[in-house]
PDB file of N, CA and C in Angstrom:
ATOM      1  N   MET A   1     -17.215 -22.639  -3.967  1.00  0.00           N
ATOM      2  CA  MET A   1     -17.594 -21.613  -3.090  1.00  0.00           C
ATOM      3  C   MET A   1     -18.994 -21.271  -3.423  1.00  0.00           C
ATOM      4  N   LYS A   2     -19.817 -21.093  -2.385  1.00  0.00           N
ATOM      5  CA  LYS A   2     -21.321 -20.683  -2.750  1.00  0.00           C
ATOM      6  C   LYS A   2     -21.530 -19.324  -2.170  1.00  0.00           C
ATOM      7  N   PHE A   3     -22.484 -18.603  -2.579  1.00  0.00           N
ATOM      8  CA  PHE A   3     -22.868 -17.244  -2.198  1.00  0.00           C
ATOM      9  C   PHE A   3     -24.418 -17.340  -1.672  1.00  0.00           C
ATOM     10  N   CYS A   4     -24.628 -16.463  -0.748  1.00  0.00           N
ATOM     11  CA  CYS A   4     -25.973 -16.333  -0.217  1.00  0.00           C
ATOM     12  C   CYS A   4     -26.938 -15.769  -1.333  1.00  0.00           C
ATOM     13  N   PRO A   5     -28.161 -16.515  -1.535  1.00  0.00           N
ATOM     14  CA  PRO A   5     -29.131 -16.068  -2.634  1.00  0.00           C
ATOM     15  C   PRO A   5     -29.723 -14.741  -2.196  1.00  0.00           C
ATOM     16  N   LYS A   6     -29.672 -14.336  -0.788  1.00  0.00           N
ATOM     17  CA  LYS A   6     -30.538 -13.318  -0.283  1.00  0.00           C
ATOM     18  C   LYS A   6     -29.625 -12.007  -0.392  1.00  0.00           C
ATOM     19  N   CYS A   7     -28.309 -12.032   0.146  1.00  0.00           N
ATOM     20  CA  CYS A   7     -27.511 -10.841   0.282  1.00  0.00           C
ATOM     21  C   CYS A   7     -26.275 -10.985  -0.689  1.00  0.00           C
ATOM     22  N   GLY A   8     -25.822 -12.111  -1.062  1.00  0.00           N
ATOM     23  CA  GLY A   8     -24.729 -12.128  -1.901  1.00  0.00           C
ATOM     24  C   GLY A   8     -23.393 -12.457  -1.059  1.00  0.00           C
ATOM     25  N   GLY A   9     -23.524 -12.656   0.266  1.00  0.00           N
ATOM     26  CA  GLY A   9     -22.479 -12.963   1.051  1.00  0.00           C
ATOM     27  C   GLY A   9     -21.939 -14.332   0.862  1.00  0.00           C
ATOM     28  N   VAL A  10     -20.687 -14.540   1.252  1.00  0.00           N
ATOM     29  CA  VAL A  10     -20.076 -15.965   1.171  1.00  0.00           C
ATOM     30  C   VAL A  10     -20.761 -16.752   2.206  1.00  0.00           C
ATOM     31  N   LEU A  11     -21.086 -17.900   1.744  1.00  0.00           N
ATOM     32  CA  LEU A  11     -21.680 -18.978   2.705  1.00  0.00           C
ATOM     33  C   LEU A  11     -20.527 -19.795   3.310  1.00  0.00           C
ATOM     34  N   MET A  12     -20.354 -19.832   4.522  1.00  0.00           N
ATOM     35  CA  MET A  12     -19.218 -20.490   5.285  1.00  0.00           C
ATOM     36  C   MET A  12     -19.701 -21.883   6.012  1.00  0.00           C
ATOM     37  N   PRO A  13     -18.916 -22.896   6.063  1.00  0.00           N
ATOM     38  CA  PRO A  13     -19.433 -24.023   6.706  1.00  0.00           C
ATOM     39  C   PRO A  13     -19.425 -23.836   8.256  1.00  0.00           C
ATOM     40  N   THR A  14     -20.484 -24.429   8.783  1.00  0.00           N
ATOM     41  CA  THR A  14     -20.712 -24.187  10.244  1.00  0.00           C
ATOM     42  C   THR A  14     -21.305 -25.390  10.925  1.00  0.00           C
ATOM     43  N   LYS A  15     -20.962 -25.866  12.048  1.00  0.00           N
ATOM     44  CA  LYS A  15     -21.511 -26.955  12.670  1.00  0.00           C
ATOM     45  C   LYS A  15     -22.789 -26.592  13.333  1.00  0.00           C
ATOM     46  N   LYS A  16     -23.959 -27.408  13.137  1.00  0.00           N
ATOM     47  CA  LYS A  16     -25.100 -27.140  13.882  1.00  0.00           C
ATOM     48  C   LYS A  16     -25.866 -28.397  14.112  1.00  0.00           C
ATOM     49  N   ASP A  17     -26.144 -28.750  15.320  1.00  0.00           N
ATOM     50  CA  ASP A  17     -26.965 -29.967  15.661  1.00  0.00           C
ATOM     51  C   ASP A  17     -26.023 -31.233  15.080  1.00  0.00           C
ATOM     52  N   GLY A  18     -24.801 -31.121  15.039  1.00  0.00           N
ATOM     53  CA  GLY A  18     -23.913 -32.424  14.649  1.00  0.00           C
ATOM     54  C   GLY A  18     -23.833 -32.465  13.198  1.00  0.00           C
ATOM     55  N   LYS A  19     -24.466 -31.511  12.393  1.00  0.00           N
ATOM     56  CA  LYS A  19     -24.459 -31.441  10.946  1.00  0.00           C
ATOM     57  C   LYS A  19     -23.626 -30.245  10.577  1.00  0.00           C
ATOM     58  N   THR A  20     -22.893 -30.416   9.329  1.00  0.00           N
ATOM     59  CA  THR A  20     -22.270 -29.169   8.884  1.00  0.00           C
ATOM     60  C   THR A  20     -23.135 -28.659   7.767  1.00  0.00           C
ATOM     61  N   ILE A  21     -23.543 -27.369   8.116  1.00  0.00           N
ATOM     62  CA  ILE A  21     -24.332 -26.533   7.211  1.00  0.00           C
ATOM     63  C   ILE A  21     -23.510 -25.319   6.590  1.00  0.00           C
ATOM     64  N   LEU A  22     -24.097 -24.800   5.573  1.00  0.00           N
ATOM     65  CA  LEU A  22     -23.638 -23.516   5.039  1.00  0.00           C
ATOM     66  C   LEU A  22     -24.377 -22.430   5.595  1.00  0.00           C
ATOM     67  N   LYS A  23     -23.664 -21.410   6.083  1.00  0.00           N
ATOM     68  CA  LYS A  23     -24.502 -20.173   6.799  1.00  0.00           C
ATOM     69  C   LYS A  23     -23.869 -18.936   6.443  1.00  0.00           C
ATOM     70  N   CYS A  24     -24.717 -17.961   6.027  1.00  0.00           N
ATOM     71  CA  CYS A  24     -24.187 -16.580   5.689  1.00  0.00           C
ATOM     72  C   CYS A  24     -23.984 -15.775   6.993  1.00  0.00           C
ATOM     73  N   ARG A  25     -22.782 -15.270   7.000  1.00  0.00           N
ATOM     74  CA  ARG A  25     -22.388 -14.402   8.198  1.00  0.00           C
ATOM     75  C   ARG A  25     -23.066 -12.970   8.164  1.00  0.00           C
ATOM     76  N   LYS A  26     -23.498 -12.555   7.175  1.00  0.00           N
ATOM     77  CA  LYS A  26     -24.199 -11.358   6.946  1.00  0.00           C
ATOM     78  C   LYS A  26     -25.608 -11.295   7.324  1.00  0.00           C
ATOM     79  N   CYS A  27     -26.437 -12.271   6.726  1.00  0.00           N
ATOM     80  CA  CYS A  27     -27.910 -12.165   6.871  1.00  0.00           C
ATOM     81  C   CYS A  27     -28.370 -13.465   7.822  1.00  0.00           C
ATOM     82  N   GLY A  28     -27.567 -14.384   7.904  1.00  0.00           N
ATOM     83  CA  GLY A  28     -27.894 -15.606   8.709  1.00  0.00           C
ATOM     84  C   GLY A  28     -28.558 -16.621   7.877  1.00  0.00           C
ATOM     85  N   TYR A  29     -28.600 -16.628   6.590  1.00  0.00           N
ATOM     86  CA  TYR A  29     -29.306 -17.599   5.725  1.00  0.00           C
ATOM     87  C   TYR A  29     -28.517 -18.891   5.996  1.00  0.00           C
ATOM     88  N   GLU A  30     -29.284 -19.983   6.048  1.00  0.00           N
ATOM     89  CA  GLU A  30     -28.591 -21.282   6.277  1.00  0.00           C
ATOM     90  C   GLU A  30     -29.127 -22.299   5.158  1.00  0.00           C
ATOM     91  N   GLU A  31     -28.271 -23.144   4.776  1.00  0.00           N
ATOM     92  CA  GLU A  31     -28.522 -24.099   3.826  1.00  0.00           C
ATOM     93  C   GLU A  31     -27.817 -25.413   4.101  1.00  0.00           C
ATOM     94  N   GLU A  32     -28.353 -26.520   3.866  1.00  0.00           N
ATOM     95  CA  GLU A  32     -27.646 -27.874   4.072  1.00  0.00           C
ATOM     96  C   GLU A  32     -26.428 -27.977   3.093  1.00  0.00           C
ATOM     97  N   MET A  33     -25.417 -28.654   3.625  1.00  0.00           N
ATOM     98  CA  MET A  33     -24.301 -28.744   2.751  1.00  0.00           C
ATOM     99  C   MET A  33     -24.384 -30.157   1.962  1.00  0.00           C
ATOM    100  N   ASP A  34     -24.530 -30.027   0.571  1.00  0.00           N
ATOM    101  CA  ASP A  34     -24.634 -31.239  -0.163  1.00  0.00           C
ATOM    102  C   ASP A  34     -23.103 -31.863  -0.507  1.00  0.00           C
ATOM    103  N   ASN A  35     -23.070 -33.024  -1.112  1.00  0.00           N
ATOM    104  CA  ASN A  35     -21.760 -33.555  -1.490  1.00  0.00           C
ATOM    105  C   ASN A  35     -20.925 -32.616  -2.264  1.00  0.00           C
ATOM    106  N   LYS A  36     -21.471 -32.070  -3.228  1.00  0.00           N
ATOM    107  CA  LYS A  36     -20.723 -31.133  -4.098  1.00  0.00           C
ATOM    108  C   LYS A  36     -20.056 -29.940  -3.289  1.00  0.00           C
ATOM    109  N   ALA A  37     -20.861 -29.416  -2.521  1.00  0.00           N
ATOM    110  CA  ALA A  37     -20.326 -28.330  -1.542  1.00  0.00           C
ATOM    111  C   ALA A  37     -19.254 -28.783  -0.508  1.00  0.00           C
ATOM    112  N   LYS A  38     -19.440 -30.023  -0.200  1.00  0.00           N
ATOM    113  CA  LYS A  38     -18.325 -30.590   0.749  1.00  0.00           C
ATOM    114  C   LYS A  38     -16.944 -30.667   0.046  1.00  0.00           C
ATOM    115  N   LYS A  39     -17.127 -31.092  -1.232  1.00  0.00           N
ATOM    116  CA  LYS A  39     -15.899 -31.103  -2.064  1.00  0.00           C
ATOM    117  C   LYS A  39     -15.220 -29.727  -2.285  1.00  0.00           C
ATOM    118  N   GLU A  40     -16.109 -28.833  -2.509  1.00  0.00           N
ATOM    119  CA  GLU A  40     -15.589 -27.424  -2.696  1.00  0.00           C
ATOM    120  C   GLU A  40     -14.946 -26.733  -1.491  1.00  0.00           C
ATOM    121  N   TYR A  41     -15.596 -27.132  -0.312  1.00  0.00           N
ATOM    122  CA  TYR A  41     -15.161 -26.483   0.952  1.00  0.00           C
ATOM    123  C   TYR A  41     -14.062 -27.362   1.691  1.00  0.00           C
ATOM    124  N   GLN A  42     -13.649 -28.491   1.080  1.00  0.00           N
ATOM    125  CA  GLN A  42     -12.528 -29.342   1.713  1.00  0.00           C
ATOM    126  C   GLN A  42     -11.286 -28.550   1.944  1.00  0.00           C
ATOM    127  N   ILE A  43     -10.764 -28.587   3.044  1.00  0.00           N
ATOM    128  CA  ILE A  43      -9.558 -27.891   3.325  1.00  0.00           C
ATOM    129  C   ILE A  43      -8.335 -28.643   2.834  1.00  0.00           C
ATOM    130  N   LYS A  44      -7.600 -28.056   2.024  1.00  0.00           N
ATOM    131  CA  LYS A  44      -6.332 -28.812   1.558  1.00  0.00           C
ATOM    132  C   LYS A  44      -5.265 -28.017   2.000  1.00  0.00           C
ATOM    133  N   GLU A  45      -4.197 -28.710   2.641  1.00  0.00           N
ATOM    134  CA  GLU A  45      -2.945 -28.022   2.965  1.00  0.00           C
ATOM    135  C   GLU A  45      -1.769 -28.604   2.272  1.00  0.00           C
ATOM    136  N   SER A  46      -0.996 -27.664   1.735  1.00  0.00           N
ATOM    137  CA  SER A  46       0.270 -28.165   1.085  1.00  0.00           C
ATOM    138  C   SER A  46       1.445 -27.435   1.786  1.00  0.00           C
ATOM    139  N   THR A  47       2.311 -28.062   2.321  1.00  0.00           N
ATOM    140  CA  THR A  47       3.458 -27.487   2.918  1.00  0.00           C
ATOM    141  C   THR A  47       4.689 -27.806   2.143  1.00  0.00           C
ATOM    142  N   LYS A  48       5.351 -26.831   1.561  1.00  0.00           N
ATOM    143  CA  LYS A  48       6.699 -27.063   0.856  1.00  0.00           C
ATOM    144  C   LYS A  48       7.664 -26.465   1.721  1.00  0.00           C
ATOM    145  N   ASN A  49       8.813 -27.228   1.664  1.00  0.00           N
ATOM    146  CA  ASN A  49       9.962 -26.648   2.431  1.00  0.00           C
ATOM    147  C   ASN A  49      10.786 -25.794   1.467  1.00  0.00           C
ATOM    148  N   GLU A  50      10.179 -24.510   1.206  1.00  0.00           N
ATOM    149  CA  GLU A  50      10.872 -23.652   0.330  1.00  0.00           C
ATOM    150  C   GLU A  50      11.911 -22.897   1.068  1.00  0.00           C
ATOM    151  N   LYS A  51      12.944 -22.570   0.247  1.00  0.00           N
ATOM    152  CA  LYS A  51      13.898 -21.728   0.933  1.00  0.00           C
ATOM    153  C   LYS A  51      13.735 -20.256   0.583  1.00  0.00           C
ATOM    154  N   VAL A  52      13.922 -19.400   1.468  1.00  0.00           N
ATOM    155  CA  VAL A  52      13.662 -17.981   1.196  1.00  0.00           C
ATOM    156  C   VAL A  52      15.122 -17.290   1.132  1.00  0.00           C
ATOM    157  N   LEU A  53      15.143 -16.592  -0.073  1.00  0.00           N
ATOM    158  CA  LEU A  53      16.540 -15.854  -0.317  1.00  0.00           C
ATOM    159  C   LEU A  53      16.591 -14.604   0.422  1.00  0.00           C
ATOM    160  N   THR A  54      17.535 -14.292   0.985  1.00  0.00           N
ATOM    161  CA  THR A  54      17.743 -13.001   1.690  1.00  0.00           C
ATOM    162  C   THR A  54      18.997 -12.292   1.125  1.00  0.00           C
ATOM    163  N   THR A  55      19.069 -11.049   1.332  1.00  0.00           N
ATOM    164  CA  THR A  55      20.238 -10.278   0.886  1.00  0.00           C
ATOM    165  C   THR A  55      20.869  -9.650   2.137  1.00  0.00           C
ATOM    166  N   SER A  56      22.142  -9.367   1.957  1.00  0.00           N
ATOM    167  CA  SER A  56      22.886  -8.652   3.043  1.00  0.00           C
ATOM    168  C   SER A  56      22.787  -7.129   2.836  1.00  0.00           C
ATOM    169  N   ILE A  57      23.110  -6.421   3.864  1.00  0.00           N
ATOM    170  CA  ILE A  57      23.077  -4.897   3.677  1.00  0.00           C
ATOM    171  C   ILE A  57      24.026  -4.561   2.741  1.00  0.00           C
ATOM    172  N   VAL A  58      23.424  -3.720   1.648  1.00  0.00           N
ATOM    173  CA  VAL A  58      24.270  -3.241   0.620  1.00  0.00           C
ATOM    174  C   VAL A  58      25.014  -1.956   0.849  1.00  0.00           C
ATOM    175  N   SER A  59      24.260  -1.024   1.649  1.00  0.00           N
ATOM    176  CA  SER A  59      24.836   0.300   1.982  1.00  0.00           C
ATOM    177  C   SER A  59      24.622   0.551   3.486  1.00  0.00           C
ATOM    178  N   GLU A  60      25.373   1.557   3.970  1.00  0.00           N
ATOM    179  CA  GLU A  60      25.223   1.915   5.322  1.00  0.00           C
ATOM    180  C   GLU A  60      23.863   2.686   5.531  1.00  0.00           C
ATOM    181  N   LYS A  61      23.359   2.809   6.685  1.00  0.00           N
ATOM    182  CA  LYS A  61      22.204   3.308   7.050  1.00  0.00           C
ATOM    183  C   LYS A  61      22.174   4.787   6.735  1.00  0.00           C
ATOM    184  N   GLU A  62      23.311   5.576   6.921  1.00  0.00           N
ATOM    185  CA  GLU A  62      23.462   6.950   6.701  1.00  0.00           C
ATOM    186  C   GLU A  62      23.421   7.239   5.187  1.00  0.00           C
ATOM    187  N   GLY A  63      23.658   6.355   4.378  1.00  0.00           N
ATOM    188  CA  GLY A  63      23.775   6.567   2.901  1.00  0.00           C
ATOM    189  C   GLY A  63      25.147   7.280   2.524  1.00  0.00           C
ATOM    190  N   ARG A  64      25.048   7.821   1.327  1.00  0.00           N
ATOM    191  CA  ARG A  64      26.328   8.378   0.789  1.00  0.00           C
ATOM    192  C   ARG A  64      26.563   9.603   1.360  1.00  0.00           C
ATOM    193  N   LYS A  65      27.933   9.700   2.015  1.00  0.00           N
ATOM    194  CA  LYS A  65      28.262  10.922   2.604  1.00  0.00           C
ATOM    195  C   LYS A  65      28.910  11.820   1.545  1.00  0.00           C
ATOM    196  N   ARG A  66      28.444  13.131   1.726  1.00  0.00           N
ATOM    197  CA  ARG A  66      28.900  14.128   0.782  1.00  0.00           C
ATOM    198  C   ARG A  66      30.262  14.846   1.301  1.00  0.00           C
ATOM    199  N   ASP A  67      31.070  15.241   0.452  1.00  0.00           N
ATOM    200  CA  ASP A  67      32.280  15.883   0.935  1.00  0.00           C
ATOM    201  C   ASP A  67      31.912  17.421   1.064  1.00  0.00           C
ATOM    202  N   GLU A  68      32.810  18.124   1.631  1.00  0.00           N
ATOM    203  CA  GLU A  68      32.519  19.606   1.853  1.00  0.00           C
ATOM    204  C   GLU A  68      32.348  20.348   0.506  1.00  0.00           C
ATOM    205  N   GLU A  69      33.130  19.925  -0.518  1.00  0.00           N
ATOM    206  CA  GLU A  69      32.983  20.720  -1.838  1.00  0.00           C
ATOM    207  C   GLU A  69      31.598  20.626  -2.405  1.00  0.00           C
ATOM    208  N   GLU A  70      30.984  19.405  -2.199  1.00  0.00           N
ATOM    209  CA  GLU A  70      29.648  19.265  -2.735  1.00  0.00           C
ATOM    210  C   GLU A  70      28.611  20.191  -1.872  1.00  0.00           C
ATOM    211  N   TRP A  71      28.800  20.201  -0.682  1.00  0.00           N
ATOM    212  CA  TRP A  71      27.906  20.980   0.143  1.00  0.00           C
ATOM    213  C   TRP A  71      28.133  22.392  -0.192  1.00  0.00           C
ATOM    214  N   GLU A  72      29.346  22.915  -0.358  1.00  0.00           N
ATOM    215  CA  GLU A  72      29.576  24.300  -0.689  1.00  0.00           C
ATOM    216  C   GLU A  72      28.903  24.658  -2.021  1.00  0.00           C
ATOM    217  N   GLN A  73      29.039  23.845  -2.929  1.00  0.00           N
ATOM    218  CA  GLN A  73      28.452  24.013  -4.326  1.00  0.00           C
ATOM    219  C   GLN A  73      26.901  24.140  -4.247  1.00  0.00           C
ATOM    220  N   GLU A  74      26.381  23.194  -3.516  1.00  0.00           N
ATOM    221  CA  GLU A  74      24.872  23.181  -3.261  1.00  0.00           C
ATOM    222  C   GLU A  74      24.504  24.512  -2.585  1.00  0.00           C
ATOM    223  N   ARG A  75      25.278  24.933  -1.535  1.00  0.00           N
ATOM    224  CA  ARG A  75      24.729  26.237  -0.927  1.00  0.00           C
ATOM    225  C   ARG A  75      24.883  27.378  -1.887  1.00  0.00           C
ATOM    226  N   GLU A  76      25.929  27.422  -2.754  1.00  0.00           N
ATOM    227  CA  GLU A  76      26.070  28.605  -3.718  1.00  0.00           C
ATOM    228  C   GLU A  76      24.911  28.476  -4.656  1.00  0.00           C
ATOM    229  N   GLU A  77      24.487  27.406  -5.211  1.00  0.00           N
ATOM    230  CA  GLU A  77      23.362  27.360  -6.212  1.00  0.00           C
ATOM    231  C   GLU A  77      22.079  27.812  -5.433  1.00  0.00           C
ATOM    232  N   TYR A  78      21.928  27.506  -4.116  1.00  0.00           N
ATOM    233  CA  TYR A  78      20.744  27.934  -3.311  1.00  0.00           C
ATOM    234  C   TYR A  78      20.630  29.377  -3.305  1.00  0.00           C
ATOM    235  N   TYR A  79      21.795  30.012  -2.846  1.00  0.00           N
ATOM    236  CA  TYR A  79      21.890  31.414  -2.644  1.00  0.00           C
ATOM    237  C   TYR A  79      21.660  32.095  -3.951  1.00  0.00           C
ATOM    238  N   LYS A  80      22.275  31.590  -5.007  1.00  0.00           N
ATOM    239  CA  LYS A  80      22.113  32.087  -6.438  1.00  0.00           C
ATOM    240  C   LYS A  80      20.604  32.271  -6.701  1.00  0.00           C
ATOM    241  N   GLU A  81      19.888  31.105  -6.606  1.00  0.00           N
ATOM    242  CA  GLU A  81      18.505  31.089  -6.983  1.00  0.00           C
ATOM    243  C   GLU A  81      17.765  32.140  -6.098  1.00  0.00           C
ATOM    244  N   ILE A  82      18.049  32.246  -4.814  1.00  0.00           N
ATOM    245  CA  ILE A  82      17.350  33.199  -3.809  1.00  0.00           C
ATOM    246  C   ILE A  82      17.583  34.578  -4.403  1.00  0.00           C
ATOM    247  N   GLY A  83      18.841  35.001  -4.613  1.00  0.00           N
ATOM    248  CA  GLY A  83      19.268  36.268  -4.988  1.00  0.00           C
ATOM    249  C   GLY A  83      18.570  36.612  -6.464  1.00  0.00           C
ATOM    250  N   LEU A  84      18.580  35.757  -7.329  1.00  0.00           N
ATOM    251  CA  LEU A  84      17.942  35.988  -8.593  1.00  0.00           C
ATOM    252  C   LEU A  84      16.454  36.330  -8.420  1.00  0.00           C
ATOM    253  N   GLU A  85      15.838  35.469  -7.533  1.00  0.00           N
ATOM    254  CA  GLU A  85      14.369  35.687  -7.224  1.00  0.00           C
ATOM    255  C   GLU A  85      14.013  37.006  -6.580  1.00  0.00           C
ATOM    256  N   LEU A  86      14.973  37.361  -5.668  1.00  0.00           N
ATOM    257  CA  LEU A  86      14.715  38.664  -5.097  1.00  0.00           C
ATOM    258  C   LEU A  86      14.936  39.789  -5.971  1.00  0.00           C
ATOM    259  N   LEU A  87      15.903  39.752  -6.925  1.00  0.00           N
ATOM    260  CA  LEU A  87      16.172  40.806  -7.948  1.00  0.00           C
ATOM    261  C   LEU A  87      14.955  40.799  -8.961  1.00  0.00           C
ATOM    262  N   ARG A  88      14.425  39.692  -9.173  1.00  0.00           N
ATOM    263  CA  ARG A  88      13.204  39.660 -10.199  1.00  0.00           C
ATOM    264  C   ARG A  88      12.028  40.375  -9.543  1.00  0.00           C
ATOM    265  N   ASP A  89      11.771  40.039  -8.222  1.00  0.00           N
ATOM    266  CA  ASP A  89      10.696  40.582  -7.538  1.00  0.00           C
ATOM    267  C   ASP A  89      10.857  42.160  -7.361  1.00  0.00           C
ATOM    268  N   GLU A  90      12.068  42.563  -7.172  1.00  0.00           N
ATOM    269  CA  GLU A  90      12.400  44.005  -6.986  1.00  0.00           C
ATOM    270  C   GLU A  90      12.237  44.804  -8.383  1.00  0.00           C
ATOM    271  N   PHE A  91      12.746  44.092  -9.406  1.00  0.00           N
ATOM    272  CA  PHE A  91      12.522  44.581 -10.796  1.00  0.00           C
ATOM    273  C   PHE A  91      11.078  44.885 -11.189  1.00  0.00           C
ATOM    274  N   GLU A  92      10.362  43.635 -10.875  1.00  0.00           N
ATOM    275  CA  GLU A  92       8.944  43.809 -11.285  1.00  0.00           C
ATOM    276  C   GLU A  92       8.211  44.812 -10.347  1.00  0.00           C
ATOM    277  N   GLY A  93       8.617  45.011  -9.159  1.00  0.00           N
ATOM    278  CA  GLY A  93       7.902  46.045  -8.165  1.00  0.00           C
ATOM    279  C   GLY A  93       8.281  47.479  -8.869  1.00  0.00           C
ATOM    280  N   ASN A  94       9.516  47.691  -9.354  1.00  0.00           N
ATOM    281  CA  ASN A  94       9.967  48.937  -9.792  1.00  0.00           C
ATOM    282  C   ASN A  94       9.038  49.236 -11.073  1.00  0.00           C
ATOM    283  N   GLU A  95       8.853  48.430 -11.924  1.00  0.00           N
ATOM    284  CA  GLU A  95       8.073  48.585 -13.208  1.00  0.00           C
ATOM    285  C   GLU A  95       6.584  49.046 -12.853  1.00  0.00           C
ATOM    286  N   GLU A  96       6.095  48.440 -11.833  1.00  0.00           N
ATOM    287  CA  GLU A  96       4.684  48.753 -11.437  1.00  0.00           C
ATOM    288  C   GLU A  96       4.568  50.205 -10.960  1.00  0.00           C
ATOM    289  N   ASN A  97       5.703  50.695 -10.144  1.00  0.00           N
ATOM    290  CA  ASN A  97       5.794  51.952  -9.552  1.00  0.00           C
ATOM    291  C   ASN A  97       6.149  52.915 -10.632  1.00  0.00           C
ATOM    292  N   ASP A  98       6.707  52.681 -11.685  1.00  0.00           N
ATOM    293  CA  ASP A  98       7.050  53.566 -12.793  1.00  0.00           C
ATOM    294  C   ASP A  98       5.817  53.909 -13.697  1.00  0.00           C
ATOM    295  N   GLU A  99       4.853  52.934 -13.741  1.00  0.00           N
ATOM    296  CA  GLU A  99       3.640  53.101 -14.518  1.00  0.00           C
ATOM    297  C   GLU A  99       2.674  54.018 -13.731  1.00  0.00           C
ATOM    298  N   ASP A 100       2.867  54.128 -12.511  1.00  0.00           N
ATOM    299  CA  ASP A 100       1.767  55.096 -11.781  1.00  0.00           C
ATOM    300  C   ASP A 100       2.189  56.369 -12.049  1.00  0.00           C
TER     301      ASP A 100
END
């Protein structure tokens, strides 16, 4: 692969007047394509008949269902955290008022 000496862009093979030249898409610089460049820009395709492994669905779309006991426990923990935070805020507020 060759790069443009002016701007550093990649020189791409292009047909012009029945000849293949290397042309920069950024600045338009053109250069004749020599034998070495022809080998470098030769298109090679290889197709392999490779198999793709797939997996089946492992779990349902909804995910794991929680039972009522788990939900109740989570609610209790949440309310406990909120209650402690409210008590902490109230206690800190009373200390500030006592200092005045």
